[in-house]
Amino acid sequence: MLAMDKNTSLDSGIEWHPLKPFLPANAKVLFLGSFPPQKKRWCMDFFYPNWINDHWRIEGEIFFSDKNYFVNEAAKTFKLDSILEFLRDKGIALFDTATAVRRLQNNASDKFLEIVVPTDVDALLKSVPHCRAIVTTGEKATLTLCELYGIAEMPKVGSYVNIPNRLNADGEQLILYRLPSSSRAYPLAFSKKVEAYREMFKRVGVCLAAE
């Protein structure tokens, strides 16, 4: 990992991750994206903050049969308190594969992100010892993890590969599971994304019943 101080000059164009990892100790799943969008696109101070990103709608549909379960339509934001309670209950952790980046263009596209400081993923995993799967929803995050763990071939969207020489605290094989992006720019119907995410949660043993 590249050593660098967060006080690096703003002229460098380096942007540090604005959020702390969300790591409930009971997590079975660790979602790792690439990096948050620019703040101007946020509607809340948490992961997947873009109002037109469907991540929280997908999870609302899967677990509560209501894509608007986490949606505050009037305020055009998501219900953060409900999201946090849900994540802790189900055992879902979140962070990103980059801790610091440069945006090569003034947008949120992964293809124009230069990773300056990669995330210490093994350190994250120590905080979630029962994690069964690292889940990515984009090509850049998937590629970053494949390079980190020496995975020769990226999993296709909707599939997974074993992470070499990585077992969790329960002696279970850790997997890298790649899902379709929840961004509306990704060309797949909402229902198909729901189906793919649901299959992943079933695979890693996250209870789908709304409790």
C-alpha atoms as a PDB file:
ATOM      1  CA  MET A   1       0.000   0.000   0.000  1.00  0.00           C
ATOM      2  CA  LEU A   2       1.239   3.468  -0.817  1.00  0.00           C
ATOM      3  CA  ALA A   3       2.033   5.427   2.319  1.00  0.00           C
ATOM      4  CA  MET A   4       0.557   8.893   2.192  1.00  0.00           C
ATOM      5  CA  ASP A   5      -0.738  11.467   4.622  1.00  0.00           C
ATOM      6  CA  LYS A   6      -4.295  12.753   4.398  1.00  0.00           C
ATOM      7  CA  ASN A   7      -2.894  16.266   4.591  1.00  0.00           C
ATOM      8  CA  THR A   8      -1.451  15.878   1.092  1.00  0.00           C
ATOM      9  CA  SER A   9      -1.896  19.126  -0.843  1.00  0.00           C
ATOM     10  CA  LEU A  10      -5.274  19.559  -2.485  1.00  0.00           C
ATOM     11  CA  ASP A  11      -3.344  20.500  -5.626  1.00  0.00           C
ATOM     12  CA  SER A  12      -2.414  16.854  -5.982  1.00  0.00           C
ATOM     13  CA  GLY A  13      -6.037  16.096  -6.850  1.00  0.00           C
ATOM     14  CA  ILE A  14      -6.118  13.258  -4.344  1.00  0.00           C
ATOM     15  CA  GLU A  15      -9.525  12.528  -2.833  1.00  0.00           C
ATOM     16  CA  TRP A  16      -9.680  10.504   0.370  1.00  0.00           C
ATOM     17  CA  HIS A  17     -12.581   8.238   1.222  1.00  0.00           C
ATOM     18  CA  PRO A  18     -15.189  10.301   3.081  1.00  0.00           C
ATOM     19  CA  LEU A  19     -16.772   7.385   4.970  1.00  0.00           C
ATOM     20  CA  LYS A  20     -15.598   4.898   7.577  1.00  0.00           C
ATOM     21  CA  PRO A  21     -15.974   1.190   6.811  1.00  0.00           C
ATOM     22  CA  PHE A  22     -19.288  -0.203   8.050  1.00  0.00           C
ATOM     23  CA  LEU A  23     -18.324  -3.525   9.633  1.00  0.00           C
ATOM     24  CA  PRO A  24     -20.888  -5.267  11.862  1.00  0.00           C
ATOM     25  CA  ALA A  25     -19.126  -8.136  13.648  1.00  0.00           C
ATOM     26  CA  ASN A  26     -21.753 -10.656  12.467  1.00  0.00           C
ATOM     27  CA  ALA A  27     -21.237  -9.833   8.776  1.00  0.00           C
ATOM     28  CA  LYS A  28     -21.427 -12.703   6.294  1.00  0.00           C
ATOM     29  CA  VAL A  29     -21.129 -10.406   3.275  1.00  0.00           C
ATOM     30  CA  LEU A  30     -18.700  -7.562   2.601  1.00  0.00           C
ATOM     31  CA  PHE A  31     -19.772  -5.306  -0.289  1.00  0.00           C
ATOM     32  CA  LEU A  32     -16.763  -3.534  -1.823  1.00  0.00           C
ATOM     33  CA  GLY A  33     -17.387  -0.931  -4.473  1.00  0.00           C
ATOM     34  CA  SER A  34     -14.729   1.219  -6.105  1.00  0.00           C
ATOM     35  CA  PHE A  35     -15.213   4.681  -4.511  1.00  0.00           C
ATOM     36  CA  PRO A  36     -18.166   6.946  -3.667  1.00  0.00           C
ATOM     37  CA  PRO A  37     -19.480   9.418  -6.226  1.00  0.00           C
ATOM     38  CA  GLN A  38     -18.810  13.117  -5.821  1.00  0.00           C
ATOM     39  CA  LYS A  39     -20.595  14.719  -2.865  1.00  0.00           C
ATOM     40  CA  LYS A  40     -22.889  16.698  -5.145  1.00  0.00           C
ATOM     41  CA  ARG A  41     -24.543  13.383  -6.050  1.00  0.00           C
ATOM     42  CA  TRP A  42     -25.241  12.343  -2.455  1.00  0.00           C
ATOM     43  CA  CYS A  43     -28.653  12.320  -0.825  1.00  0.00           C
ATOM     44  CA  MET A  44     -27.357  10.827   2.458  1.00  0.00           C
ATOM     45  CA  ASP A  45     -24.035  10.340   4.245  1.00  0.00           C
ATOM     46  CA  PHE A  46     -23.612   6.623   3.678  1.00  0.00           C
ATOM     47  CA  PHE A  47     -22.750   4.082   1.033  1.00  0.00           C
ATOM     48  CA  TYR A  48     -24.682   4.065  -2.250  1.00  0.00           C
ATOM     49  CA  PRO A  49     -25.815   7.650  -1.588  1.00  0.00           C
ATOM     50  CA  ASN A  50     -26.897   8.561  -5.110  1.00  0.00           C
ATOM     51  CA  TRP A  51     -30.693   8.967  -5.273  1.00  0.00           C
ATOM     52  CA  ILE A  52     -30.834   7.300  -8.694  1.00  0.00           C
ATOM     53  CA  ASN A  53     -28.672   4.338  -7.658  1.00  0.00           C
ATOM     54  CA  ASP A  54     -30.955   1.376  -6.954  1.00  0.00           C
ATOM     55  CA  HIS A  55     -28.873  -0.511  -4.383  1.00  0.00           C
ATOM     56  CA  TRP A  56     -31.246   0.174  -1.488  1.00  0.00           C
ATOM     57  CA  ARG A  57     -34.288  -0.387  -3.686  1.00  0.00           C
ATOM     58  CA  ILE A  58     -32.919  -3.808  -4.663  1.00  0.00           C
ATOM     59  CA  GLU A  59     -32.419  -4.774  -1.025  1.00  0.00           C
ATOM     60  CA  GLY A  60     -35.844  -3.432  -0.106  1.00  0.00           C
ATOM     61  CA  GLU A  61     -37.409  -5.617  -2.798  1.00  0.00           C
ATOM     62  CA  ILE A  62     -35.467  -8.726  -1.748  1.00  0.00           C
ATOM     63  CA  PHE A  63     -35.987  -8.545   1.992  1.00  0.00           C
ATOM     64  CA  PHE A  64     -39.314  -6.694   2.323  1.00  0.00           C
ATOM     65  CA  SER A  65     -40.989  -7.212  -1.082  1.00  0.00           C
ATOM     66  CA  ASP A  66     -41.060  -3.419  -1.375  1.00  0.00           C
ATOM     67  CA  LYS A  67     -38.476  -1.591  -3.451  1.00  0.00           C
ATOM     68  CA  ASN A  68     -39.397   1.633  -1.653  1.00  0.00           C
ATOM     69  CA  TYR A  69     -38.950   0.214   1.853  1.00  0.00           C
ATOM     70  CA  PHE A  70     -35.800   2.303   2.412  1.00  0.00           C
ATOM     71  CA  VAL A  71     -36.972   5.238   0.286  1.00  0.00           C
ATOM     72  CA  ASN A  72     -38.147   8.603   1.570  1.00  0.00           C
ATOM     73  CA  GLU A  73     -39.808   9.815  -1.596  1.00  0.00           C
ATOM     74  CA  ALA A  74     -40.870  13.195  -0.236  1.00  0.00           C
ATOM     75  CA  ALA A  75     -37.343  14.136   0.821  1.00  0.00           C
ATOM     76  CA  LYS A  76     -35.683  12.364  -2.117  1.00  0.00           C
ATOM     77  CA  THR A  77     -33.390  10.430   0.200  1.00  0.00           C
ATOM     78  CA  PHE A  78     -33.043   7.016   1.818  1.00  0.00           C
ATOM     79  CA  LYS A  79     -34.029   6.048   5.371  1.00  0.00           C
ATOM     80  CA  LEU A  80     -30.581   5.762   6.901  1.00  0.00           C
ATOM     81  CA  ASP A  81     -31.701   4.633  10.360  1.00  0.00           C
ATOM     82  CA  SER A  82     -33.702   1.780   8.829  1.00  0.00           C
ATOM     83  CA  ILE A  83     -30.779   0.853   6.573  1.00  0.00           C
ATOM     84  CA  LEU A  84     -28.335   0.679   9.505  1.00  0.00           C
ATOM     85  CA  GLU A  85     -30.700  -1.462  11.573  1.00  0.00           C
ATOM     86  CA  PHE A  86     -31.255  -3.767   8.610  1.00  0.00           C
ATOM     87  CA  LEU A  87     -27.531  -4.157   7.856  1.00  0.00           C
ATOM     88  CA  ARG A  88     -26.704  -4.996  11.463  1.00  0.00           C
ATOM     89  CA  ASP A  89     -29.559  -7.489  11.646  1.00  0.00           C
ATOM     90  CA  LYS A  90     -28.646  -9.294   8.426  1.00  0.00           C
ATOM     91  CA  GLY A  91     -24.881  -9.097   8.790  1.00  0.00           C
ATOM     92  CA  ILE A  92     -23.923  -6.960   5.781  1.00  0.00           C
ATOM     93  CA  ALA A  93     -20.714  -4.892   5.733  1.00  0.00           C
ATOM     94  CA  LEU A  94     -19.717  -2.145   3.287  1.00  0.00           C
ATOM     95  CA  PHE A  95     -16.661  -0.266   2.119  1.00  0.00           C
ATOM     96  CA  ASP A  96     -14.672   0.255  -1.105  1.00  0.00           C
ATOM     97  CA  THR A  97     -11.529  -1.079  -2.741  1.00  0.00           C
ATOM     98  CA  ALA A  98      -9.895   2.367  -2.826  1.00  0.00           C
ATOM     99  CA  THR A  99      -9.068   4.552   0.159  1.00  0.00           C
ATOM    100  CA  ALA A 100      -7.772   7.431  -1.969  1.00  0.00           C
ATOM    101  CA  VAL A 101      -8.227   8.205  -5.665  1.00  0.00           C
ATOM    102  CA  ARG A 102      -7.778  10.807  -8.344  1.00  0.00           C
ATOM    103  CA  ARG A 103     -10.726  11.543 -10.601  1.00  0.00           C
ATOM    104  CA  LEU A 104      -9.311  11.804 -14.095  1.00  0.00           C
ATOM    105  CA  GLN A 105     -12.564  13.330 -15.295  1.00  0.00           C
ATOM    106  CA  ASN A 106     -15.177  15.287 -13.398  1.00  0.00           C
ATOM    107  CA  ASN A 107     -17.655  12.440 -13.060  1.00  0.00           C
ATOM    108  CA  ALA A 108     -18.430   9.288 -11.089  1.00  0.00           C
ATOM    109  CA  SER A 109     -17.351   6.768 -13.722  1.00  0.00           C
ATOM    110  CA  ASP A 110     -15.092   3.975 -12.461  1.00  0.00           C
ATOM    111  CA  LYS A 111     -13.140   3.986 -15.708  1.00  0.00           C
ATOM    112  CA  PHE A 112     -11.852   7.469 -14.888  1.00  0.00           C
ATOM    113  CA  LEU A 113     -10.765   6.664 -11.314  1.00  0.00           C
ATOM    114  CA  GLU A 114      -7.064   6.288 -10.582  1.00  0.00           C
ATOM    115  CA  ILE A 115      -6.508   4.350  -7.363  1.00  0.00           C
ATOM    116  CA  VAL A 116      -3.823   6.125  -5.328  1.00  0.00           C
ATOM    117  CA  VAL A 117      -4.172   4.200  -2.063  1.00  0.00           C
ATOM    118  CA  PRO A 118      -5.838   0.781  -2.251  1.00  0.00           C
ATOM    119  CA  THR A 119      -7.826  -0.413   0.737  1.00  0.00           C
ATOM    120  CA  ASP A 120      -6.233  -2.899   3.126  1.00  0.00           C
ATOM    121  CA  VAL A 121      -8.922  -5.531   2.544  1.00  0.00           C
ATOM    122  CA  ASP A 122      -7.308  -8.078   4.862  1.00  0.00           C
ATOM    123  CA  ALA A 123      -7.607  -5.552   7.695  1.00  0.00           C
ATOM    124  CA  LEU A 124     -11.324  -5.212   6.954  1.00  0.00           C
ATOM    125  CA  LEU A 125     -11.744  -8.973   6.991  1.00  0.00           C
ATOM    126  CA  LYS A 126     -10.203  -9.183  10.463  1.00  0.00           C
ATOM    127  CA  SER A 127     -13.124  -7.074  11.697  1.00  0.00           C
ATOM    128  CA  VAL A 128     -15.677  -9.398  10.053  1.00  0.00           C
ATOM    129  CA  PRO A 129     -14.243 -12.846  10.888  1.00  0.00           C
ATOM    130  CA  HIS A 130     -17.373 -14.753   9.837  1.00  0.00           C
ATOM    131  CA  CYS A 131     -17.552 -13.173   6.388  1.00  0.00           C
ATOM    132  CA  ARG A 132     -18.232 -15.720   3.649  1.00  0.00           C
ATOM    133  CA  ALA A 133     -18.134 -13.517   0.565  1.00  0.00           C
ATOM    134  CA  ILE A 134     -16.626 -10.316  -0.728  1.00  0.00           C
ATOM    135  CA  VAL A 135     -19.170  -8.920  -3.166  1.00  0.00           C
ATOM    136  CA  THR A 136     -18.378  -6.471  -5.962  1.00  0.00           C
ATOM    137  CA  THR A 137     -20.784  -4.635  -8.226  1.00  0.00           C
ATOM    138  CA  GLY A 138     -18.381  -3.186 -10.773  1.00  0.00           C
ATOM    139  CA  GLU A 139     -15.539  -4.213 -13.038  1.00  0.00           C
ATOM    140  CA  LYS A 140     -12.907  -1.956 -11.441  1.00  0.00           C
ATOM    141  CA  ALA A 141     -13.545  -3.234  -7.914  1.00  0.00           C
ATOM    142  CA  THR A 142     -13.542  -6.816  -9.175  1.00  0.00           C
ATOM    143  CA  LEU A 143     -10.291  -6.327 -11.064  1.00  0.00           C
ATOM    144  CA  THR A 144      -8.663  -4.671  -8.052  1.00  0.00           C
ATOM    145  CA  LEU A 145      -9.512  -7.647  -5.842  1.00  0.00           C
ATOM    146  CA  CYS A 146      -8.410 -10.170  -8.451  1.00  0.00           C
ATOM    147  CA  GLU A 147      -5.032  -8.442  -8.619  1.00  0.00           C
ATOM    148  CA  LEU A 148      -4.806  -8.273  -4.823  1.00  0.00           C
ATOM    149  CA  TYR A 149      -5.522 -11.958  -4.303  1.00  0.00           C
ATOM    150  CA  GLY A 150      -3.853 -13.383  -7.405  1.00  0.00           C
ATOM    151  CA  ILE A 151      -7.092 -14.514  -9.054  1.00  0.00           C
ATOM    152  CA  ALA A 152      -6.232 -15.293 -12.662  1.00  0.00           C
ATOM    153  CA  GLU A 153      -9.674 -14.841 -14.194  1.00  0.00           C
ATOM    154  CA  MET A 154     -12.367 -12.416 -13.098  1.00  0.00           C
ATOM    155  CA  PRO A 155     -15.713 -13.999 -12.276  1.00  0.00           C
ATOM    156  CA  LYS A 156     -18.479 -13.216 -14.720  1.00  0.00           C
ATOM    157  CA  VAL A 157     -21.390 -11.086 -13.549  1.00  0.00           C
ATOM    158  CA  GLY A 158     -23.671 -13.255 -11.430  1.00  0.00           C
ATOM    159  CA  SER A 159     -20.967 -15.780 -10.537  1.00  0.00           C
ATOM    160  CA  TYR A 160     -18.161 -16.238  -8.025  1.00  0.00           C
ATOM    161  CA  VAL A 161     -14.677 -17.678  -7.580  1.00  0.00           C
ATOM    162  CA  ASN A 162     -12.788 -18.906  -4.538  1.00  0.00           C
ATOM    163  CA  ILE A 163     -10.234 -16.511  -3.060  1.00  0.00           C
ATOM    164  CA  PRO A 164      -6.994 -18.515  -2.842  1.00  0.00           C
ATOM    165  CA  ASN A 165      -5.762 -19.388   0.637  1.00  0.00           C
ATOM    166  CA  ARG A 166      -8.486 -17.435   2.392  1.00  0.00           C
ATOM    167  CA  LEU A 167     -10.730 -19.082   4.980  1.00  0.00           C
ATOM    168  CA  ASN A 168     -12.911 -17.286   7.497  1.00  0.00           C
ATOM    169  CA  ALA A 169     -12.835 -17.867  11.261  1.00  0.00           C
ATOM    170  CA  ASP A 170     -15.269 -20.769  10.829  1.00  0.00           C
ATOM    171  CA  GLY A 171     -12.983 -22.543   8.368  1.00  0.00           C
ATOM    172  CA  GLU A 172     -15.198 -21.706   5.382  1.00  0.00           C
ATOM    173  CA  GLN A 173     -13.794 -20.835   1.977  1.00  0.00           C
ATOM    174  CA  LEU A 174     -13.991 -17.112   1.258  1.00  0.00           C
ATOM    175  CA  ILE A 175     -15.385 -16.286  -2.183  1.00  0.00           C
ATOM    176  CA  LEU A 176     -15.381 -13.292  -4.497  1.00  0.00           C
ATOM    177  CA  TYR A 177     -18.901 -12.836  -5.858  1.00  0.00           C
ATOM    178  CA  ARG A 178     -19.543 -10.408  -8.712  1.00  0.00           C
ATOM    179  CA  LEU A 179     -22.981  -8.844  -9.098  1.00  0.00           C
ATOM    180  CA  PRO A 180     -24.435  -6.444 -11.675  1.00  0.00           C
ATOM    181  CA  SER A 181     -24.078  -2.791 -10.823  1.00  0.00           C
ATOM    182  CA  SER A 182     -27.027  -1.164  -9.075  1.00  0.00           C
ATOM    183  CA  SER A 183     -26.423   1.962 -11.156  1.00  0.00           C
ATOM    184  CA  ARG A 184     -29.207   2.666 -13.639  1.00  0.00           C
ATOM    185  CA  ALA A 185     -26.497   3.148 -16.246  1.00  0.00           C
ATOM    186  CA  TYR A 186     -25.881  -0.609 -16.122  1.00  0.00           C
ATOM    187  CA  PRO A 187     -28.034  -2.166 -18.881  1.00  0.00           C
ATOM    188  CA  LEU A 188     -30.023  -4.789 -16.982  1.00  0.00           C
ATOM    189  CA  ALA A 189     -33.645  -4.751 -15.860  1.00  0.00           C
ATOM    190  CA  PHE A 190     -34.298  -4.032 -12.189  1.00  0.00           C
ATOM    191  CA  SER A 191     -36.004  -7.411 -11.765  1.00  0.00           C
ATOM    192  CA  LYS A 192     -32.938  -9.213 -13.127  1.00  0.00           C
ATOM    193  CA  LYS A 193     -30.683  -7.359 -10.713  1.00  0.00           C
ATOM    194  CA  VAL A 194     -32.982  -8.337  -7.850  1.00  0.00           C
ATOM    195  CA  GLU A 195     -32.789 -11.960  -8.942  1.00  0.00           C
ATOM    196  CA  ALA A 196     -28.972 -11.885  -9.069  1.00  0.00           C
ATOM    197  CA  TYR A 197     -28.628 -10.245  -5.646  1.00  0.00           C
ATOM    198  CA  ARG A 198     -31.147 -12.631  -4.119  1.00  0.00           C
ATOM    199  CA  GLU A 199     -29.187 -15.646  -5.372  1.00  0.00           C
ATOM    200  CA  MET A 200     -26.011 -14.265  -3.811  1.00  0.00           C
ATOM    201  CA  PHE A 201     -27.661 -13.762  -0.429  1.00  0.00           C
ATOM    202  CA  LYS A 202     -29.027 -17.318  -0.562  1.00  0.00           C
ATOM    203  CA  ARG A 203     -25.581 -18.661  -1.487  1.00  0.00           C
ATOM    204  CA  VAL A 204     -23.895 -17.102   1.557  1.00  0.00           C
ATOM    205  CA  GLY A 205     -26.677 -17.927   4.001  1.00  0.00           C
ATOM    206  CA  VAL A 206     -28.191 -14.524   4.696  1.00  0.00           C
ATOM    207  CA  CYS A 207     -31.776 -14.975   5.874  1.00  0.00           C
ATOM    208  CA  LEU A 208     -34.148 -13.481   3.321  1.00  0.00           C
ATOM    209  CA  ALA A 209     -37.190 -13.332   5.577  1.00  0.00           C
ATOM    210  CA  ALA A 210     -38.181  -9.852   6.726  1.00  0.00           C
ATOM    211  CA  GLU A 211     -37.791  -9.976  10.490  1.00  0.00           C
END
